[in-house]
């Protein structure tokens, strides 16, 4: 959005909101290029993502004028930072991290991977080959509080906009999640709530499932139940071995996480309660 203005709004629904917004934007000499809105009738909430040609002379004044024109309690964001900074947490699996780093290297991620931290050192060499700092923060012999304090201390200098759990196999405490509200993104297989625990693909194979899926979501205090950003599935059948299913699962996990990150990086996702409004 080199010469454009992006506006994100959520507020109580009311008659004439689109006209109010359009008039206010016009008063700032901006021309609306795209306007995608959604009304949650049950919650009486209005959401909109607007792209305008040209740069606003004063982002803060535009946000103030829009807020004043809209129902009380409106949330207005004008031109959020375009170059998001991502900190990635990993354990041992490389497929999601590899996809993120390769796209970062070729400039197609749309964000900067500022660091990678892992509770094992397995992915250190790979990460450093791309010039990205890797921090090994072991969980062994430490309480959850100690481990998470070290992770937080490690991430602090980088000031990430989002923390991406790229198959990070540790459950985060509410205290850690509270450090990054609405800013931690996780990817997991979509067998949940079925086949929980160890070896989900082995369990799924034994059950004869016909679909493998993945879900990318924001992390909340409810394990694997945060607002969903993106999901997808891949068909399998009786001829697939456990290894085949694992391979298929990793491919769909990479794809779903990639899509979710693109949506978040482009400011196309608005969190509302325990769900999301996604402007694709």
Protein backbone atom coordinates (compact mmCIF):
# COMPACT_ATOMS: atom_id res chain seq x y z
CA UNK A 1 0.00 0.00 0.00
CA UNK A 2 2.65 2.48 -1.12
CA UNK A 3 0.28 5.34 -1.86
CA UNK A 4 -2.90 4.19 -0.16
CA UNK A 5 -4.66 4.64 3.16
CA UNK A 6 -6.05 1.61 5.01
CA UNK A 7 -8.86 2.08 7.51
CA UNK A 8 -10.24 -0.60 9.85
CA UNK A 9 -13.43 0.04 11.82
CA UNK A 10 -15.61 -1.91 14.20
CA UNK A 11 -18.53 -0.42 16.08
CA UNK A 12 -22.17 -0.81 17.04
CA UNK A 13 -24.37 -1.11 13.97
CA UNK A 14 -26.63 1.80 13.06
CA UNK A 15 -28.45 3.25 10.07
CA UNK A 16 -26.31 5.32 7.71
CA UNK A 17 -22.86 4.20 8.81
CA UNK A 18 -21.53 3.73 5.28
CA UNK A 19 -22.64 7.26 4.32
CA UNK A 20 -21.07 8.75 7.45
CA UNK A 21 -17.78 6.99 6.76
CA UNK A 22 -17.75 7.91 3.07
CA UNK A 23 -18.45 11.58 3.82
CA UNK A 24 -15.74 11.76 6.49
CA UNK A 25 -13.20 10.13 4.22
CA UNK A 26 -14.14 12.54 1.40
CA UNK A 27 -13.61 15.50 3.71
CA UNK A 28 -10.00 14.32 4.03
CA UNK A 29 -9.66 14.37 0.23
CA UNK A 30 -9.41 10.60 -0.01
CA UNK A 31 -11.08 8.44 -2.65
CA UNK A 32 -12.37 5.01 -1.58
CA UNK A 33 -11.00 2.22 -3.79
CA UNK A 34 -12.45 -0.77 -1.96
CA UNK A 35 -14.86 -1.03 0.96
CA UNK A 36 -15.66 -4.43 2.45
CA UNK A 37 -18.19 -4.41 5.27
CA UNK A 38 -19.89 -7.02 7.41
CA UNK A 39 -22.77 -6.74 9.86
CA UNK A 40 -23.17 -9.26 12.68
CA UNK A 41 -26.91 -8.88 13.14
CA UNK A 42 -27.06 -11.08 16.23
CA UNK A 43 -24.45 -8.97 18.01
CA UNK A 44 -25.51 -5.70 16.35
CA UNK A 45 -21.91 -5.04 15.31
CA UNK A 46 -20.53 -3.40 12.15
CA UNK A 47 -17.11 -4.16 10.66
CA UNK A 48 -15.44 -2.58 7.65
CA UNK A 49 -12.06 -2.57 5.86
CA UNK A 50 -11.50 0.41 3.57
CA UNK A 51 -8.68 1.10 1.13
CA UNK A 52 -8.38 4.67 -0.17
CA UNK A 53 -6.22 6.06 -2.95
CA UNK A 54 -3.60 8.47 -1.63
CA UNK A 55 -2.13 9.09 1.79
CA UNK A 56 -4.07 10.87 4.52
CA UNK A 57 -2.50 14.17 5.53
CA UNK A 58 -3.04 13.36 9.21
CA UNK A 59 -3.79 9.77 10.27
CA UNK A 60 -4.64 10.75 13.82
CA UNK A 61 -7.07 13.46 12.74
CA UNK A 62 -8.78 11.11 10.29
CA UNK A 63 -9.14 8.48 13.02
CA UNK A 64 -10.49 11.13 15.41
CA UNK A 65 -13.04 12.43 12.91
CA UNK A 66 -14.25 8.93 12.05
CA UNK A 67 -14.56 8.01 15.73
CA UNK A 68 -16.55 11.17 16.40
CA UNK A 69 -18.94 10.42 13.55
CA UNK A 70 -19.53 6.79 14.53
CA UNK A 71 -21.53 5.33 17.45
CA UNK A 72 -19.88 5.63 20.85
CA UNK A 73 -17.24 3.01 21.54
CA UNK A 74 -16.12 2.65 17.91
CA UNK A 75 -12.62 1.32 17.25
CA UNK A 76 -10.87 2.99 14.33
CA UNK A 77 -7.40 2.17 13.02
CA UNK A 78 -5.80 4.20 10.22
CA UNK A 79 -2.74 2.83 8.45
CA UNK A 80 -1.51 0.16 10.87
CA UNK A 81 2.22 -0.60 10.46
CA UNK A 82 2.77 -2.35 7.13
CA UNK A 83 6.03 -4.16 7.89
CA UNK A 84 5.00 -6.54 10.65
CA UNK A 85 7.69 -8.20 12.78
CA UNK A 86 7.26 -11.91 13.46
CA UNK A 87 8.93 -13.92 16.22
CA UNK A 88 8.64 -17.65 15.58
CA UNK A 89 8.62 -20.30 18.32
CA UNK A 90 9.55 -23.87 17.35
CA UNK A 91 10.33 -27.26 18.81
CA UNK A 92 11.76 -29.84 16.36
CA UNK A 93 9.49 -30.00 13.31
CA UNK A 94 10.82 -27.92 10.43
CA UNK A 95 8.05 -27.82 7.83
CA UNK A 96 6.17 -24.71 9.00
CA UNK A 97 9.31 -22.79 9.94
CA UNK A 98 10.93 -23.72 6.63
CA UNK A 99 7.99 -22.35 4.66
CA UNK A 100 8.01 -19.09 6.63
CA UNK A 101 11.76 -18.56 6.34
CA UNK A 102 11.95 -19.35 2.62
CA UNK A 103 9.16 -16.88 1.85
CA UNK A 104 10.89 -14.34 4.10
CA UNK A 105 14.14 -14.85 2.18
CA UNK A 106 12.51 -14.30 -1.21
CA UNK A 107 10.49 -11.30 -0.01
CA UNK A 108 7.07 -12.89 -0.46
CA UNK A 109 6.12 -13.15 3.22
CA UNK A 110 5.14 -9.51 3.55
CA UNK A 111 6.72 -9.36 7.00
CA UNK A 112 10.09 -9.61 8.72
CA UNK A 113 11.07 -12.67 10.71
CA UNK A 114 13.00 -10.93 13.46
CA UNK A 115 13.99 -14.06 15.41
CA UNK A 116 13.32 -17.75 16.01
CA UNK A 117 13.36 -19.34 19.46
CA UNK A 118 13.16 -23.04 20.20
CA UNK A 119 13.04 -25.24 23.26
CA UNK A 120 15.37 -27.59 21.37
CA UNK A 121 18.38 -26.61 19.27
CA UNK A 122 17.49 -28.78 16.25
CA UNK A 123 16.51 -25.91 13.92
CA UNK A 124 19.31 -23.54 14.85
CA UNK A 125 21.67 -24.27 11.92
CA UNK A 126 18.88 -24.06 9.36
CA UNK A 127 17.60 -20.74 10.73
CA UNK A 128 21.04 -19.13 10.91
CA UNK A 129 21.75 -20.03 7.28
CA UNK A 130 19.20 -17.38 6.37
CA UNK A 131 20.75 -14.77 8.64
CA UNK A 132 17.96 -14.95 11.22
CA UNK A 133 18.87 -15.05 14.94
CA UNK A 134 18.07 -18.33 16.68
CA UNK A 135 17.76 -18.59 20.46
CA UNK A 136 17.80 -21.93 22.23
CA UNK A 137 15.68 -21.68 25.38
CA UNK A 138 15.48 -25.12 26.95
CA UNK A 139 12.47 -26.07 29.08
CA UNK A 140 14.28 -28.93 30.76
CA UNK A 141 14.75 -28.67 34.51
CA UNK A 142 12.70 -25.49 34.72
CA UNK A 143 9.24 -24.62 35.92
CA UNK A 144 6.75 -23.33 33.34
CA UNK A 145 7.11 -19.88 34.90
CA UNK A 146 10.91 -19.93 34.56
CA UNK A 147 10.81 -21.22 31.00
CA UNK A 148 8.25 -18.68 29.85
CA UNK A 149 10.07 -15.85 31.60
CA UNK A 150 13.17 -16.75 29.59
CA UNK A 151 11.16 -16.86 26.35
CA UNK A 152 9.63 -13.46 27.12
CA UNK A 153 13.05 -12.02 27.98
CA UNK A 154 14.43 -13.39 24.70
CA UNK A 155 11.64 -11.87 22.60
CA UNK A 156 11.53 -8.51 24.37
CA UNK A 157 14.39 -6.78 22.47
CA UNK A 158 12.79 -7.70 19.13
CA UNK A 159 9.40 -6.13 19.92
CA UNK A 160 7.48 -8.51 17.63
CA UNK A 161 4.04 -7.58 16.34
CA UNK A 162 3.07 -11.26 16.31
CA UNK A 163 4.38 -14.46 17.85
CA UNK A 164 3.95 -17.48 15.57
CA UNK A 165 3.84 -20.96 17.07
CA UNK A 166 5.24 -23.01 14.18
CA UNK A 167 4.65 -26.44 15.74
CA UNK A 168 5.83 -25.21 19.13
CA UNK A 169 4.91 -28.16 21.32
CA UNK A 170 4.46 -26.39 24.63
CA UNK A 171 1.25 -25.17 26.25
CA UNK A 172 1.50 -21.49 27.11
CA UNK A 173 0.19 -20.12 30.40
CA UNK A 174 -2.47 -17.40 30.61
CA UNK A 175 0.22 -15.07 31.96
CA UNK A 176 2.36 -15.50 28.85
CA UNK A 177 -0.62 -15.19 26.50
CA UNK A 178 -1.56 -11.94 28.25
CA UNK A 179 1.76 -10.44 27.14
CA UNK A 180 0.62 -10.66 23.51
CA UNK A 181 -3.18 -10.37 23.48
CA UNK A 182 -4.57 -11.23 20.06
CA UNK A 183 -1.02 -11.50 18.72
CA UNK A 184 -0.08 -15.18 19.14
CA UNK A 185 -0.89 -17.39 16.15
CA UNK A 186 -0.89 -21.18 16.38
CA UNK A 187 -1.20 -23.99 13.83
CA UNK A 188 -2.43 -27.47 14.68
CA UNK A 189 -4.00 -30.48 13.02
CA UNK A 190 -7.77 -30.43 12.90
CA UNK A 191 -8.39 -33.82 14.43
CA UNK A 192 -9.15 -31.98 17.66
CA UNK A 193 -11.12 -32.65 19.78
CA UNK A 194 -10.75 -36.21 18.43
CA UNK A 195 -7.43 -38.07 18.66
CA UNK A 196 -5.90 -35.86 21.32
CA UNK A 197 -2.59 -36.71 22.95
CA UNK A 198 0.32 -38.62 21.44
CA UNK A 199 0.38 -40.00 17.89
CA UNK A 200 -2.80 -38.39 16.52
CA UNK A 201 -2.06 -39.60 12.97
CA UNK A 202 -1.64 -43.17 14.15
CA UNK A 203 -4.96 -42.90 15.96
CA UNK A 204 -6.60 -41.35 12.90
CA UNK A 205 -5.22 -44.08 10.63
CA UNK A 206 -6.55 -46.76 12.93
CA UNK A 207 -9.96 -45.08 12.84
CA UNK A 208 -9.96 -44.86 9.05
CA UNK A 209 -10.49 -41.12 8.68
CA UNK A 210 -11.13 -39.76 5.19
CA UNK A 211 -10.09 -36.14 5.75
CA UNK A 212 -7.00 -34.50 7.22
CA UNK A 213 -7.18 -30.83 8.15
CA UNK A 214 -5.37 -27.98 9.83
CA UNK A 215 -6.47 -24.89 11.74
CA UNK A 216 -4.65 -21.60 12.30
CA UNK A 217 -6.00 -19.58 15.20
CA UNK A 218 -5.17 -16.90 17.72
CA UNK A 219 -4.09 -18.26 21.08
CA UNK A 220 -6.27 -17.62 24.12
CA UNK A 221 -6.45 -19.13 27.60
CA UNK A 222 -8.69 -21.89 26.22
CA UNK A 223 -6.38 -24.51 24.73
CA UNK A 224 -6.76 -24.73 20.92
CA UNK A 225 -10.07 -22.87 21.06
CA UNK A 226 -9.04 -19.33 20.16
CA UNK A 227 -10.52 -17.31 17.27
CA UNK A 228 -10.00 -19.18 14.00
CA UNK A 229 -8.19 -17.42 11.14
CA UNK A 230 -8.02 -20.12 8.47
CA UNK A 231 -8.75 -23.81 7.96
CA UNK A 232 -8.40 -26.37 5.19
CA UNK A 233 -8.73 -30.10 4.59
CA UNK A 234 -7.11 -32.74 2.41
CA UNK A 235 -8.78 -36.05 1.47
CA UNK A 236 -7.12 -39.35 2.37
CA UNK A 237 -8.24 -42.94 1.97
CA UNK A 238 -7.59 -46.53 3.04
CA UNK A 239 -4.41 -46.74 0.93
CA UNK A 240 -2.64 -44.03 2.95
CA UNK A 241 -0.15 -45.27 5.51
CA UNK A 242 0.52 -43.39 8.73
CA UNK A 243 3.58 -41.84 7.05
CA UNK A 244 1.46 -40.76 4.08
CA UNK A 245 -1.03 -39.13 6.45
CA UNK A 246 1.72 -37.34 8.37
CA UNK A 247 3.15 -36.04 5.08
CA UNK A 248 -0.28 -34.86 3.93
CA UNK A 249 -0.91 -33.28 7.32
CA UNK A 250 2.32 -31.30 7.18
CA UNK A 251 1.48 -29.99 3.72
CA UNK A 252 -1.94 -28.75 4.79
CA UNK A 253 -0.47 -27.24 7.97
CA UNK A 254 2.04 -25.24 5.91
CA UNK A 255 -0.67 -24.09 3.54
CA UNK A 256 -3.10 -23.02 6.25
CA UNK A 257 -0.47 -21.20 8.31
CA UNK A 258 0.77 -19.42 5.19
CA UNK A 259 -2.75 -18.24 4.37
CA UNK A 260 -3.43 -17.17 7.95
CA UNK A 261 -0.22 -15.17 8.16
CA UNK A 262 -0.96 -13.42 4.86
CA UNK A 263 -4.42 -12.43 6.10
CA UNK A 264 -3.06 -11.11 9.40
CA UNK A 265 -0.08 -9.33 7.84
CA UNK A 266 -2.39 -7.57 5.35
CA UNK A 267 -4.71 -6.48 8.19
CA UNK A 268 -7.64 -8.48 6.85
CA UNK A 269 -8.55 -10.05 10.21
CA UNK A 270 -10.57 -8.46 13.00
CA UNK A 271 -11.00 -10.35 16.28
CA UNK A 272 -14.46 -10.14 17.78
CA UNK A 273 -15.03 -12.19 20.91
CA UNK A 274 -14.01 -15.76 20.20
CA UNK A 275 -14.28 -15.53 16.43
CA UNK A 276 -12.87 -13.48 13.60
CA UNK A 277 -14.14 -11.36 10.74
CA UNK A 278 -11.90 -12.07 7.75
CA UNK A 279 -11.95 -9.81 4.70
CA UNK A 280 -10.40 -11.95 1.96
